[in-house]
Amino acid sequence: MPAPAPSPAPPAPARAALRRLVALDADLGTIERRAGKLPWRTRPTGFPGLLAAIVGQQISNQAAGAIWRRLRSLPGAETAAGLLDLPDEALRAAGLSRPKILHARALAAAVQDGTLDFDILAGLDDEAAIAAIAAVRGLGRWSAEVYLLFALGRFDVFPAGDLALAAACADLKRLPARPGPAALRALAEPWRPYRALAARLLWHHWRHVTGRPAMDEPPA
């Protein structure tokens, strides 16, 4: 059996920013020494990237990955027009719940009618882009932040509502309890303007601590 392909390394600008980040926080600087080099994981841009965010909501990354593979095998599912043409039965068979079918169709409709324009979105600052995405039914702040982080490669987006990030931060910083979103956002303030890179390091730390396999990732 051939060896799995190595995970892509962070691009040069990200690696330079990571060096500046770990100079700000010694704890973050220990992660790659223990967990290995940070893999650079991405998601597709545009409709498929946000559709993947909907698939991944409130379920494990491993389950989301399995559903995503079934969904993207459906003809046209990775385009807004194609998904709108698919019957609910096909989407349910791929593993989407009824609410997620509604949310996927709302996203597709917003793309089709121009309410959500990805060319415009790419030029917006982080908060404006988050607001534009979160205005679509079923896409809240977490989904928008994950899209900006993994699909657009933004450096200073921090999904403070992510439970794995909270757990990783509590473990790394030896906190007595997992911080809530407001507390986690406050803890991340010193990491500006590299909070997205801090999030990537924290997820990497948590995979190492919990022993989750590399496949246990957001669908991409």
N, C-alpha and C. Protein backbone atom coordinates (compact mmCIF):
# COMPACT_ATOMS: atom_id res chain seq x y z
N MET A 1 0.85 -1.18 0.00
CA MET A 1 0.00 0.00 0.00
C MET A 1 0.89 1.24 0.00
N PRO A 2 0.63 2.21 -0.91
CA PRO A 2 1.48 3.40 -0.95
C PRO A 2 1.31 4.24 0.29
N ALA A 3 2.37 4.95 0.66
CA ALA A 3 2.28 5.84 1.82
C ALA A 3 1.37 7.01 1.49
N PRO A 4 0.62 7.52 2.50
CA PRO A 4 -0.24 8.67 2.24
C PRO A 4 0.59 9.88 1.86
N ALA A 5 0.00 10.74 1.02
CA ALA A 5 0.70 11.95 0.60
C ALA A 5 0.89 12.87 1.81
N PRO A 6 2.04 13.51 1.90
CA PRO A 6 2.25 14.41 3.03
C PRO A 6 1.31 15.60 2.97
N SER A 7 0.92 16.10 4.14
CA SER A 7 0.06 17.28 4.19
C SER A 7 0.84 18.49 3.68
N PRO A 8 0.18 19.40 2.97
CA PRO A 8 0.89 20.58 2.48
C PRO A 8 1.38 21.44 3.64
N ALA A 9 2.53 22.05 3.44
CA ALA A 9 3.10 22.92 4.46
C ALA A 9 2.51 24.32 4.32
N PRO A 10 2.55 25.11 5.38
CA PRO A 10 2.07 26.49 5.27
C PRO A 10 2.85 27.24 4.20
N PRO A 11 2.18 28.10 3.42
CA PRO A 11 2.90 28.92 2.45
C PRO A 11 3.87 29.87 3.16
N ALA A 12 4.82 30.40 2.41
CA ALA A 12 5.87 31.22 3.01
C ALA A 12 5.33 32.39 3.85
N PRO A 13 4.32 33.14 3.38
CA PRO A 13 3.82 34.24 4.23
C PRO A 13 3.25 33.74 5.56
N ALA A 14 2.57 32.59 5.52
CA ALA A 14 2.01 32.05 6.75
C ALA A 14 3.11 31.57 7.69
N ARG A 15 4.15 30.94 7.14
CA ARG A 15 5.24 30.48 8.00
C ARG A 15 5.96 31.66 8.65
N ALA A 16 6.13 32.76 7.91
CA ALA A 16 6.75 33.95 8.49
C ALA A 16 5.86 34.53 9.59
N ALA A 17 4.54 34.53 9.36
CA ALA A 17 3.62 35.04 10.38
C ALA A 17 3.60 34.13 11.60
N LEU A 18 3.72 32.82 11.38
CA LEU A 18 3.77 31.89 12.50
C LEU A 18 4.99 32.15 13.39
N ARG A 19 6.10 32.49 12.77
CA ARG A 19 7.29 32.81 13.57
C ARG A 19 7.04 34.04 14.45
N ARG A 20 6.35 35.03 13.89
CA ARG A 20 6.05 36.22 14.69
C ARG A 20 5.04 35.89 15.79
N LEU A 21 4.09 35.01 15.48
CA LEU A 21 3.07 34.64 16.46
C LEU A 21 3.68 33.93 17.66
N VAL A 22 4.52 32.93 17.42
CA VAL A 22 5.06 32.16 18.54
C VAL A 22 6.04 33.00 19.36
N ALA A 23 6.56 34.08 18.76
CA ALA A 23 7.38 34.99 19.55
C ALA A 23 6.53 35.77 20.55
N LEU A 24 5.23 35.87 20.26
CA LEU A 24 4.31 36.57 21.16
C LEU A 24 3.82 35.67 22.28
N ASP A 25 3.82 34.35 22.06
CA ASP A 25 3.22 33.43 23.03
C ASP A 25 4.05 32.14 23.07
N ALA A 26 4.77 31.97 24.15
CA ALA A 26 5.67 30.81 24.27
C ALA A 26 4.91 29.50 24.25
N ASP A 27 3.68 29.47 24.79
CA ASP A 27 2.90 28.23 24.79
C ASP A 27 2.59 27.77 23.36
N LEU A 28 2.19 28.70 22.51
CA LEU A 28 1.93 28.34 21.12
C LEU A 28 3.19 27.81 20.45
N GLY A 29 4.33 28.34 20.88
CA GLY A 29 5.59 27.91 20.31
C GLY A 29 5.97 26.48 20.63
N THR A 30 5.32 25.86 21.61
CA THR A 30 5.62 24.47 21.96
C THR A 30 4.85 23.46 21.11
N ILE A 31 3.81 23.91 20.41
CA ILE A 31 2.89 22.96 19.77
C ILE A 31 3.58 22.16 18.68
N GLU A 32 4.26 22.82 17.76
CA GLU A 32 4.87 22.07 16.66
C GLU A 32 6.01 21.17 17.15
N ARG A 33 6.66 21.55 18.24
CA ARG A 33 7.72 20.68 18.76
C ARG A 33 7.15 19.35 19.24
N ARG A 34 5.93 19.38 19.77
CA ARG A 34 5.32 18.15 20.29
C ARG A 34 4.42 17.44 19.28
N ALA A 35 3.71 18.22 18.48
CA ALA A 35 2.71 17.63 17.58
C ALA A 35 3.20 17.48 16.15
N GLY A 36 4.38 18.01 15.85
CA GLY A 36 4.88 17.96 14.48
C GLY A 36 4.52 19.22 13.73
N LYS A 37 5.04 19.33 12.52
CA LYS A 37 4.82 20.52 11.71
C LYS A 37 3.33 20.72 11.43
N LEU A 38 2.92 21.98 11.45
CA LEU A 38 1.52 22.32 11.20
C LEU A 38 1.16 22.01 9.75
N PRO A 39 0.15 21.16 9.51
CA PRO A 39 -0.32 20.95 8.14
C PRO A 39 -1.18 22.13 7.71
N TRP A 40 -1.14 22.47 6.44
CA TRP A 40 -1.90 23.63 5.94
C TRP A 40 -3.15 23.12 5.24
N ARG A 41 -4.25 23.11 5.97
CA ARG A 41 -5.49 22.57 5.43
C ARG A 41 -6.34 23.69 4.86
N THR A 42 -6.98 23.40 3.74
CA THR A 42 -7.79 24.40 3.05
C THR A 42 -9.15 23.81 2.69
N ARG A 43 -10.06 24.71 2.32
CA ARG A 43 -11.35 24.32 1.75
C ARG A 43 -11.51 25.03 0.42
N PRO A 44 -12.39 24.52 -0.42
CA PRO A 44 -12.64 25.22 -1.69
C PRO A 44 -13.29 26.57 -1.44
N THR A 45 -13.04 27.50 -2.33
CA THR A 45 -13.71 28.80 -2.25
C THR A 45 -15.08 28.72 -2.91
N GLY A 46 -15.87 29.76 -2.73
CA GLY A 46 -17.17 29.85 -3.38
C GLY A 46 -18.22 28.93 -2.77
N PHE A 47 -19.19 28.56 -3.59
CA PHE A 47 -20.32 27.76 -3.10
C PHE A 47 -19.90 26.46 -2.43
N PRO A 48 -18.97 25.67 -3.01
CA PRO A 48 -18.62 24.41 -2.34
C PRO A 48 -18.05 24.62 -0.94
N GLY A 49 -17.29 25.70 -0.74
CA GLY A 49 -16.70 25.94 0.57
C GLY A 49 -17.74 26.21 1.64
N LEU A 50 -18.76 27.00 1.31
CA LEU A 50 -19.80 27.28 2.30
C LEU A 50 -20.76 26.10 2.45
N LEU A 51 -20.97 25.35 1.37
CA LEU A 51 -21.78 24.14 1.49
C LEU A 51 -21.10 23.16 2.44
N ALA A 52 -19.77 23.05 2.36
CA ALA A 52 -19.04 22.18 3.28
C ALA A 52 -19.19 22.65 4.71
N ALA A 53 -19.25 23.97 4.92
CA ALA A 53 -19.45 24.49 6.28
C ALA A 53 -20.80 24.07 6.83
N ILE A 54 -21.84 24.10 5.99
CA ILE A 54 -23.16 23.65 6.43
C ILE A 54 -23.13 22.17 6.78
N VAL A 55 -22.49 21.38 5.95
CA VAL A 55 -22.39 19.93 6.21
C VAL A 55 -21.75 19.68 7.57
N GLY A 56 -20.72 20.48 7.92
CA GLY A 56 -19.96 20.23 9.13
C GLY A 56 -20.56 20.77 10.41
N GLN A 57 -21.68 21.46 10.31
CA GLN A 57 -22.25 22.07 11.52
C GLN A 57 -22.74 21.01 12.51
N GLN A 58 -22.29 21.12 13.77
CA GLN A 58 -22.81 20.36 14.91
C GLN A 58 -22.64 18.84 14.79
N ILE A 59 -21.70 18.40 13.96
CA ILE A 59 -21.37 16.98 13.92
C ILE A 59 -19.84 16.86 13.91
N SER A 60 -19.34 15.67 14.15
CA SER A 60 -17.89 15.49 14.16
C SER A 60 -17.34 15.69 12.75
N ASN A 61 -16.07 16.07 12.69
CA ASN A 61 -15.44 16.26 11.39
C ASN A 61 -15.40 14.97 10.59
N GLN A 62 -15.24 13.83 11.29
CA GLN A 62 -15.19 12.55 10.59
C GLN A 62 -16.55 12.25 9.94
N ALA A 63 -17.64 12.49 10.67
CA ALA A 63 -18.98 12.28 10.10
C ALA A 63 -19.23 13.26 8.96
N ALA A 64 -18.80 14.52 9.15
CA ALA A 64 -18.98 15.52 8.10
C ALA A 64 -18.23 15.13 6.84
N GLY A 65 -17.03 14.59 7.01
CA GLY A 65 -16.26 14.18 5.84
C GLY A 65 -16.95 13.08 5.05
N ALA A 66 -17.57 12.12 5.76
CA ALA A 66 -18.26 11.03 5.07
C ALA A 66 -19.47 11.56 4.31
N ILE A 67 -20.24 12.46 4.95
CA ILE A 67 -21.41 13.04 4.28
C ILE A 67 -20.98 13.87 3.08
N TRP A 68 -19.91 14.64 3.24
CA TRP A 68 -19.42 15.49 2.15
C TRP A 68 -19.02 14.66 0.94
N ARG A 69 -18.36 13.55 1.17
CA ARG A 69 -17.97 12.70 0.04
C ARG A 69 -19.20 12.16 -0.70
N ARG A 70 -20.24 11.78 0.04
CA ARG A 70 -21.45 11.30 -0.62
C ARG A 70 -22.16 12.44 -1.36
N LEU A 71 -22.18 13.60 -0.73
CA LEU A 71 -22.89 14.73 -1.33
C LEU A 71 -22.22 15.17 -2.62
N ARG A 72 -20.90 15.29 -2.61
CA ARG A 72 -20.21 15.81 -3.78
C ARG A 72 -20.21 14.80 -4.93
N SER A 73 -20.57 13.55 -4.64
CA SER A 73 -20.68 12.55 -5.72
C SER A 73 -21.98 12.70 -6.50
N LEU A 74 -22.94 13.49 -5.98
CA LEU A 74 -24.20 13.71 -6.68
C LEU A 74 -23.96 14.69 -7.83
N PRO A 75 -24.45 14.40 -9.01
CA PRO A 75 -24.23 15.29 -10.16
C PRO A 75 -24.72 16.71 -9.88
N GLY A 76 -23.83 17.67 -10.01
CA GLY A 76 -24.21 19.07 -9.86
C GLY A 76 -24.26 19.59 -8.45
N ALA A 77 -24.00 18.76 -7.46
CA ALA A 77 -24.19 19.18 -6.06
C ALA A 77 -23.25 20.29 -5.64
N GLU A 78 -22.12 20.45 -6.30
CA GLU A 78 -21.16 21.47 -5.89
C GLU A 78 -21.36 22.80 -6.60
N THR A 79 -22.50 22.94 -7.31
CA THR A 79 -22.87 24.23 -7.88
C THR A 79 -24.24 24.62 -7.33
N ALA A 80 -24.48 25.92 -7.27
CA ALA A 80 -25.75 26.39 -6.73
C ALA A 80 -26.92 25.90 -7.57
N ALA A 81 -26.81 26.07 -8.90
CA ALA A 81 -27.91 25.64 -9.77
C ALA A 81 -28.12 24.13 -9.70
N GLY A 82 -27.02 23.39 -9.66
CA GLY A 82 -27.13 21.94 -9.61
C GLY A 82 -27.76 21.45 -8.33
N LEU A 83 -27.40 22.06 -7.20
CA LEU A 83 -27.99 21.62 -5.94
C LEU A 83 -29.48 21.91 -5.89
N LEU A 84 -29.89 23.07 -6.42
CA LEU A 84 -31.31 23.40 -6.43
C LEU A 84 -32.12 22.42 -7.27
N ASP A 85 -31.48 21.81 -8.26
CA ASP A 85 -32.17 20.83 -9.11
C ASP A 85 -32.27 19.45 -8.48
N LEU A 86 -31.47 19.19 -7.44
CA LEU A 86 -31.49 17.86 -6.82
C LEU A 86 -32.72 17.71 -5.93
N PRO A 87 -33.36 16.55 -5.94
CA PRO A 87 -34.52 16.34 -5.05
C PRO A 87 -34.06 16.16 -3.60
N ASP A 88 -34.95 16.48 -2.68
CA ASP A 88 -34.65 16.31 -1.26
C ASP A 88 -34.24 14.88 -0.94
N GLU A 89 -34.86 13.92 -1.62
CA GLU A 89 -34.55 12.52 -1.34
C GLU A 89 -33.07 12.21 -1.58
N ALA A 90 -32.51 12.79 -2.62
CA ALA A 90 -31.09 12.56 -2.91
C ALA A 90 -30.21 13.19 -1.85
N LEU A 91 -30.58 14.37 -1.38
CA LEU A 91 -29.79 15.05 -0.35
C LEU A 91 -29.90 14.31 0.99
N ARG A 92 -31.08 13.79 1.29
CA ARG A 92 -31.24 13.00 2.52
C ARG A 92 -30.43 11.73 2.44
N ALA A 93 -30.42 11.09 1.27
CA ALA A 93 -29.65 9.85 1.11
C ALA A 93 -28.16 10.11 1.29
N ALA A 94 -27.70 11.31 0.96
CA ALA A 94 -26.29 11.64 1.16
C ALA A 94 -25.96 11.88 2.63
N GLY A 95 -27.02 12.10 3.45
CA GLY A 95 -26.80 12.27 4.88
C GLY A 95 -27.19 13.61 5.45
N LEU A 96 -27.75 14.50 4.62
CA LEU A 96 -28.15 15.81 5.13
C LEU A 96 -29.47 15.69 5.89
N SER A 97 -29.52 16.35 7.04
CA SER A 97 -30.77 16.42 7.80
C SER A 97 -31.72 17.39 7.12
N ARG A 98 -32.98 17.39 7.55
CA ARG A 98 -33.95 18.31 6.95
C ARG A 98 -33.52 19.77 7.11
N PRO A 99 -33.08 20.21 8.34
CA PRO A 99 -32.63 21.60 8.44
C PRO A 99 -31.45 21.91 7.53
N LYS A 100 -30.52 20.98 7.39
CA LYS A 100 -29.36 21.25 6.54
C LYS A 100 -29.74 21.29 5.06
N ILE A 101 -30.74 20.53 4.67
CA ILE A 101 -31.24 20.63 3.29
C ILE A 101 -31.80 22.03 3.06
N LEU A 102 -32.58 22.53 4.01
CA LEU A 102 -33.14 23.88 3.89
C LEU A 102 -32.02 24.93 3.83
N HIS A 103 -31.01 24.75 4.66
CA HIS A 103 -29.92 25.72 4.69
C HIS A 103 -29.09 25.66 3.41
N ALA A 104 -28.85 24.45 2.90
CA ALA A 104 -28.11 24.31 1.64
C ALA A 104 -28.87 24.97 0.49
N ARG A 105 -30.17 24.79 0.48
CA ARG A 105 -30.98 25.41 -0.58
C ARG A 105 -31.01 26.93 -0.42
N ALA A 106 -31.03 27.42 0.82
CA ALA A 106 -30.99 28.86 1.04
C ALA A 106 -29.68 29.46 0.54
N LEU A 107 -28.58 28.76 0.80
CA LEU A 107 -27.29 29.20 0.30
C LEU A 107 -27.28 29.21 -1.23
N ALA A 108 -27.76 28.14 -1.84
CA ALA A 108 -27.78 28.06 -3.30
C ALA A 108 -28.63 29.17 -3.90
N ALA A 109 -29.77 29.46 -3.28
CA ALA A 109 -30.64 30.53 -3.79
C ALA A 109 -29.97 31.88 -3.67
N ALA A 110 -29.25 32.12 -2.56
CA ALA A 110 -28.56 33.40 -2.37
C ALA A 110 -27.47 33.59 -3.41
N VAL A 111 -26.80 32.50 -3.77
CA VAL A 111 -25.76 32.58 -4.80
C VAL A 111 -26.39 32.80 -6.16
N GLN A 112 -27.48 32.09 -6.43
CA GLN A 112 -28.14 32.20 -7.73
C GLN A 112 -28.69 33.60 -7.98
N ASP A 113 -29.29 34.22 -6.95
CA ASP A 113 -29.91 35.54 -7.18
C ASP A 113 -28.95 36.70 -6.93
N GLY A 114 -27.69 36.39 -6.61
CA GLY A 114 -26.70 37.44 -6.43
C GLY A 114 -26.66 38.07 -5.06
N THR A 115 -27.50 37.60 -4.14
CA THR A 115 -27.46 38.13 -2.78
C THR A 115 -26.08 37.91 -2.17
N LEU A 116 -25.49 36.76 -2.46
CA LEU A 116 -24.13 36.45 -2.00
C LEU A 116 -23.24 36.36 -3.22
N ASP A 117 -22.36 37.34 -3.38
CA ASP A 117 -21.46 37.42 -4.53
C ASP A 117 -20.05 37.16 -4.04
N PHE A 118 -19.44 36.07 -4.48
CA PHE A 118 -18.13 35.67 -3.95
C PHE A 118 -17.01 36.60 -4.40
N ASP A 119 -17.15 37.22 -5.55
CA ASP A 119 -16.14 38.19 -5.98
C ASP A 119 -16.14 39.41 -5.05
N ILE A 120 -17.33 39.88 -4.71
CA ILE A 120 -17.44 41.00 -3.77
C ILE A 120 -16.97 40.58 -2.39
N LEU A 121 -17.37 39.38 -1.98
CA LEU A 121 -17.03 38.88 -0.65
C LEU A 121 -15.52 38.85 -0.44
N ALA A 122 -14.78 38.44 -1.44
CA ALA A 122 -13.33 38.32 -1.32
C ALA A 122 -12.66 39.66 -1.05
N GLY A 123 -13.30 40.75 -1.47
CA GLY A 123 -12.72 42.06 -1.27
C GLY A 123 -13.14 42.76 0.01
N LEU A 124 -14.04 42.15 0.78
CA LEU A 124 -14.51 42.76 2.02
C LEU A 124 -13.54 42.49 3.16
N ASP A 125 -13.54 43.39 4.15
CA ASP A 125 -12.76 43.09 5.35
C ASP A 125 -13.43 41.97 6.12
N ASP A 126 -12.76 41.47 7.13
CA ASP A 126 -13.23 40.26 7.81
C ASP A 126 -14.64 40.42 8.36
N GLU A 127 -14.90 41.49 9.09
CA GLU A 127 -16.21 41.64 9.73
C GLU A 127 -17.32 41.82 8.71
N ALA A 128 -17.05 42.57 7.64
CA ALA A 128 -18.07 42.75 6.60
C ALA A 128 -18.35 41.43 5.88
N ALA A 129 -17.31 40.66 5.64
CA ALA A 129 -17.50 39.36 4.98
C ALA A 129 -18.27 38.40 5.88
N ILE A 130 -17.97 38.41 7.16
CA ILE A 130 -18.69 37.56 8.11
C ILE A 130 -20.16 37.94 8.14
N ALA A 131 -20.46 39.24 8.15
CA ALA A 131 -21.85 39.69 8.18
C ALA A 131 -22.58 39.28 6.91
N ALA A 132 -21.93 39.37 5.76
CA ALA A 132 -22.57 39.00 4.49
C ALA A 132 -22.91 37.51 4.46
N ILE A 133 -22.00 36.68 4.94
CA ILE A 133 -22.25 35.24 4.95
C ILE A 133 -23.31 34.88 5.98
N ALA A 134 -23.20 35.48 7.17
CA ALA A 134 -24.13 35.14 8.25
C ALA A 134 -25.55 35.61 7.97
N ALA A 135 -25.74 36.47 6.97
CA ALA A 135 -27.09 36.91 6.60
C ALA A 135 -27.86 35.82 5.87
N VAL A 136 -27.16 34.79 5.39
CA VAL A 136 -27.82 33.67 4.70
C VAL A 136 -28.35 32.70 5.75
N ARG A 137 -29.57 32.28 5.56
CA ARG A 137 -30.19 31.35 6.51
C ARG A 137 -29.32 30.11 6.71
N GLY A 138 -29.05 29.78 7.98
CA GLY A 138 -28.28 28.58 8.29
C GLY A 138 -26.78 28.79 8.35
N LEU A 139 -26.32 30.00 8.04
CA LEU A 139 -24.89 30.27 8.08
C LEU A 139 -24.63 31.35 9.12
N GLY A 140 -24.24 30.94 10.31
CA GLY A 140 -23.95 31.89 11.38
C GLY A 140 -22.51 32.33 11.37
N ARG A 141 -22.12 32.96 12.46
CA ARG A 141 -20.77 33.51 12.55
C ARG A 141 -19.70 32.42 12.46
N TRP A 142 -19.93 31.28 13.14
CA TRP A 142 -18.93 30.20 13.11
C TRP A 142 -18.67 29.74 11.68
N SER A 143 -19.74 29.49 10.93
CA SER A 143 -19.57 29.02 9.56
C SER A 143 -18.84 30.05 8.71
N ALA A 144 -19.18 31.32 8.91
CA ALA A 144 -18.52 32.38 8.15
C ALA A 144 -17.04 32.46 8.51
N GLU A 145 -16.72 32.38 9.78
CA GLU A 145 -15.32 32.45 10.20
C GLU A 145 -14.52 31.27 9.68
N VAL A 146 -15.09 30.08 9.73
CA VAL A 146 -14.41 28.89 9.21
C VAL A 146 -14.15 29.04 7.72
N TYR A 147 -15.11 29.60 6.99
CA TYR A 147 -14.93 29.81 5.55
C TYR A 147 -13.79 30.79 5.29
N LEU A 148 -13.79 31.91 6.00
CA LEU A 148 -12.74 32.90 5.80
C LEU A 148 -11.37 32.33 6.14
N LEU A 149 -11.32 31.50 7.17
CA LEU A 149 -10.05 30.94 7.62
C LEU A 149 -9.52 29.90 6.65
N PHE A 150 -10.35 28.91 6.30
CA PHE A 150 -9.87 27.79 5.50
C PHE A 150 -9.96 28.01 3.99
N ALA A 151 -10.98 28.74 3.53
CA ALA A 151 -11.15 28.93 2.08
C ALA A 151 -10.43 30.18 1.58
N LEU A 152 -10.55 31.28 2.32
CA LEU A 152 -9.93 32.52 1.87
C LEU A 152 -8.55 32.75 2.48
N GLY A 153 -8.16 31.93 3.44
CA GLY A 153 -6.82 32.03 3.99
C GLY A 153 -6.57 33.29 4.79
N ARG A 154 -7.62 33.84 5.41
CA ARG A 154 -7.45 35.05 6.22
C ARG A 154 -6.60 34.72 7.45
N PHE A 155 -5.80 35.68 7.89
CA PHE A 155 -4.86 35.46 8.98
C PHE A 155 -5.40 35.84 10.35
N ASP A 156 -6.47 36.63 10.43
CA ASP A 156 -6.86 37.15 11.75
C ASP A 156 -8.32 36.87 12.09
N VAL A 157 -8.84 35.76 11.59
CA VAL A 157 -10.20 35.33 11.93
C VAL A 157 -10.11 34.29 13.02
N PHE A 158 -10.95 34.41 14.05
CA PHE A 158 -10.85 33.47 15.18
C PHE A 158 -12.25 32.99 15.57
N PRO A 159 -12.60 31.72 15.25
CA PRO A 159 -13.94 31.19 15.58
C PRO A 159 -14.06 30.87 17.08
N ALA A 160 -14.33 31.88 17.86
CA ALA A 160 -14.32 31.72 19.31
C ALA A 160 -15.45 30.81 19.81
N GLY A 161 -16.43 30.52 18.97
CA GLY A 161 -17.49 29.60 19.37
C GLY A 161 -17.16 28.15 19.13
N ASP A 162 -15.97 27.85 18.65
CA ASP A 162 -15.59 26.48 18.34
C ASP A 162 -15.18 25.74 19.62
N LEU A 163 -15.84 24.63 19.91
CA LEU A 163 -15.58 23.90 21.16
C LEU A 163 -14.19 23.29 21.21
N ALA A 164 -13.70 22.82 20.06
CA ALA A 164 -12.36 22.23 20.05
C ALA A 164 -11.29 23.29 20.34
N LEU A 165 -11.49 24.49 19.83
CA LEU A 165 -10.55 25.56 20.15
C LEU A 165 -10.55 25.87 21.63
N ALA A 166 -11.75 25.91 22.22
CA ALA A 166 -11.85 26.18 23.66
C ALA A 166 -11.15 25.09 24.47
N ALA A 167 -11.38 23.84 24.08
CA ALA A 167 -10.76 22.72 24.80
C ALA A 167 -9.24 22.75 24.65
N ALA A 168 -8.78 23.05 23.44
CA ALA A 168 -7.34 23.10 23.19
C ALA A 168 -6.68 24.21 23.99
N CYS A 169 -7.34 25.36 24.04
CA CYS A 169 -6.79 26.49 24.79
C CYS A 169 -6.74 26.17 26.28
N ALA A 170 -7.79 25.55 26.79
CA ALA A 170 -7.81 25.18 28.21
C ALA A 170 -6.67 24.22 28.53
N ASP A 171 -6.42 23.26 27.64
CA ASP A 171 -5.35 22.31 27.88
C ASP A 171 -3.98 22.97 27.77
N LEU A 172 -3.78 23.74 26.72
CA LEU A 172 -2.47 24.36 26.49
C LEU A 172 -2.13 25.36 27.59
N LYS A 173 -3.12 26.13 28.01
CA LYS A 173 -2.89 27.19 28.99
C LYS A 173 -3.13 26.73 30.43
N ARG A 174 -3.46 25.43 30.58
CA ARG A 174 -3.68 24.85 31.90
C ARG A 174 -4.75 25.63 32.69
N LEU A 175 -5.86 25.90 32.01
CA LEU A 175 -6.96 26.62 32.63
C LEU A 175 -7.81 25.66 33.46
N PRO A 176 -8.50 26.15 34.50
CA PRO A 176 -9.32 25.26 35.32
C PRO A 176 -10.57 24.76 34.62
N ALA A 177 -11.02 25.47 33.58
CA ALA A 177 -12.23 25.06 32.85
C ALA A 177 -12.13 25.56 31.42
N ARG A 178 -12.92 24.98 30.55
CA ARG A 178 -12.93 25.40 29.16
C ARG A 178 -13.56 26.79 29.06
N PRO A 179 -12.91 27.75 28.43
CA PRO A 179 -13.48 29.10 28.36
C PRO A 179 -14.67 29.17 27.41
N GLY A 180 -15.63 30.02 27.74
CA GLY A 180 -16.73 30.28 26.83
C GLY A 180 -16.28 31.18 25.69
N PRO A 181 -17.17 31.43 24.71
CA PRO A 181 -16.77 32.22 23.54
C PRO A 181 -16.22 33.60 23.88
N ALA A 182 -16.86 34.31 24.80
CA ALA A 182 -16.38 35.66 25.12
C ALA A 182 -15.00 35.61 25.78
N ALA A 183 -14.82 34.66 26.69
CA ALA A 183 -13.53 34.53 27.36
C ALA A 183 -12.45 34.08 26.39
N LEU A 184 -12.82 33.18 25.47
CA LEU A 184 -11.84 32.70 24.50
C LEU A 184 -11.43 33.82 23.55
N ARG A 185 -12.41 34.63 23.15
CA ARG A 185 -12.09 35.75 22.27
C ARG A 185 -11.14 36.72 22.98
N ALA A 186 -11.36 36.94 24.28
CA ALA A 186 -10.48 37.83 25.04
C ALA A 186 -9.08 37.24 25.15
N LEU A 187 -9.01 35.91 25.37
CA LEU A 187 -7.70 35.26 25.44
C LEU A 187 -6.93 35.37 24.13
N ALA A 188 -7.67 35.45 23.02
CA ALA A 188 -7.03 35.50 21.71
C ALA A 188 -6.56 36.90 21.32
N GLU A 189 -6.97 37.91 22.06
CA GLU A 189 -6.62 39.28 21.69
C GLU A 189 -5.10 39.50 21.52
N PRO A 190 -4.27 38.97 22.41
CA PRO A 190 -2.82 39.19 22.23
C PRO A 190 -2.25 38.56 20.95
N TRP A 191 -3.01 37.69 20.30
CA TRP A 191 -2.51 37.03 19.09
C TRP A 191 -2.79 37.81 17.82
N ARG A 192 -3.50 38.94 17.93
CA ARG A 192 -3.69 39.77 16.73
C ARG A 192 -2.34 40.19 16.17
N PRO A 193 -2.19 40.29 14.87
CA PRO A 193 -3.15 40.05 13.78
C PRO A 193 -3.04 38.64 13.18
N TYR A 194 -2.75 37.66 14.04
CA TYR A 194 -2.51 36.29 13.56
C TYR A 194 -3.43 35.28 14.28
N ARG A 195 -4.62 35.73 14.63
CA ARG A 195 -5.49 34.83 15.42
C ARG A 195 -5.90 33.58 14.64
N ALA A 196 -6.05 33.67 13.32
CA ALA A 196 -6.39 32.47 12.55
C ALA A 196 -5.26 31.45 12.59
N LEU A 197 -4.03 31.93 12.60
CA LEU A 197 -2.89 31.01 12.69
C LEU A 197 -2.82 30.39 14.08
N ALA A 198 -3.17 31.17 15.10
CA ALA A 198 -3.25 30.61 16.44
C ALA A 198 -4.33 29.52 16.49
N ALA A 199 -5.46 29.75 15.82
CA ALA A 199 -6.51 28.74 15.79
C ALA A 199 -6.01 27.47 15.11
N ARG A 200 -5.29 27.60 14.02
CA ARG A 200 -4.75 26.42 13.34
C ARG A 200 -3.80 25.65 14.26
N LEU A 201 -2.97 26.38 14.99
CA LEU A 201 -2.07 25.71 15.92
C LEU A 201 -2.84 25.01 17.04
N LEU A 202 -3.87 25.66 17.55
CA LEU A 202 -4.66 25.06 18.63
C LEU A 202 -5.38 23.80 18.15
N TRP A 203 -5.96 23.83 16.96
CA TRP A 203 -6.59 22.62 16.42
C TRP A 203 -5.54 21.51 16.25
N HIS A 204 -4.36 21.89 15.79
CA HIS A 204 -3.27 20.91 15.64
C HIS A 204 -2.90 20.31 17.00
N HIS A 205 -2.82 21.16 18.00
CA HIS A 205 -2.54 20.69 19.37
C HIS A 205 -3.62 19.72 19.84
N TRP A 206 -4.88 20.06 19.58
CA TRP A 206 -5.97 19.22 20.08
C TRP A 206 -6.02 17.87 19.37
N ARG A 207 -5.71 17.84 18.08
CA ARG A 207 -5.62 16.54 17.38
C ARG A 207 -4.53 15.69 18.00
N HIS A 208 -3.42 16.33 18.35
CA HIS A 208 -2.31 15.58 18.95
C HIS A 208 -2.69 15.05 20.33
N VAL A 209 -3.31 15.90 21.14
CA VAL A 209 -3.66 15.53 22.51
C VAL A 209 -4.70 14.41 22.51
N THR A 210 -5.69 14.50 21.63
CA THR A 210 -6.78 13.53 21.63
C THR A 210 -6.47 12.31 20.78
N GLY A 211 -5.39 12.35 20.00
CA GLY A 211 -5.05 11.22 19.16
C GLY A 211 -5.97 11.01 17.98
N ARG A 212 -6.64 12.09 17.54
CA ARG A 212 -7.53 11.94 16.40
C ARG A 212 -6.72 11.73 15.13
N PRO A 213 -7.21 10.88 14.22
CA PRO A 213 -6.46 10.63 12.98
C PRO A 213 -6.50 11.84 12.07
N ALA A 214 -5.57 11.87 11.14
CA ALA A 214 -5.49 13.01 10.21
C ALA A 214 -6.75 13.17 9.38
N MET A 215 -7.49 12.07 9.13
CA MET A 215 -8.69 12.17 8.32
C MET A 215 -9.81 12.89 9.06
N ASP A 216 -9.67 13.05 10.36
CA ASP A 216 -10.71 13.69 11.15
C ASP A 216 -10.59 15.20 11.01
N GLU A 217 -10.95 15.68 9.81
CA GLU A 217 -10.75 17.08 9.44
C GLU A 217 -12.03 17.66 8.87
N PRO A 218 -12.12 19.00 8.84
CA PRO A 218 -13.25 19.59 8.12
C PRO A 218 -13.27 19.12 6.69
N PRO A 219 -14.45 18.88 6.10
CA PRO A 219 -14.50 18.42 4.72
C PRO A 219 -13.87 19.45 3.81
N ALA A 220 -13.14 18.99 2.82
CA ALA A 220 -12.47 19.91 1.89
C ALA A 220 -12.58 19.38 0.46
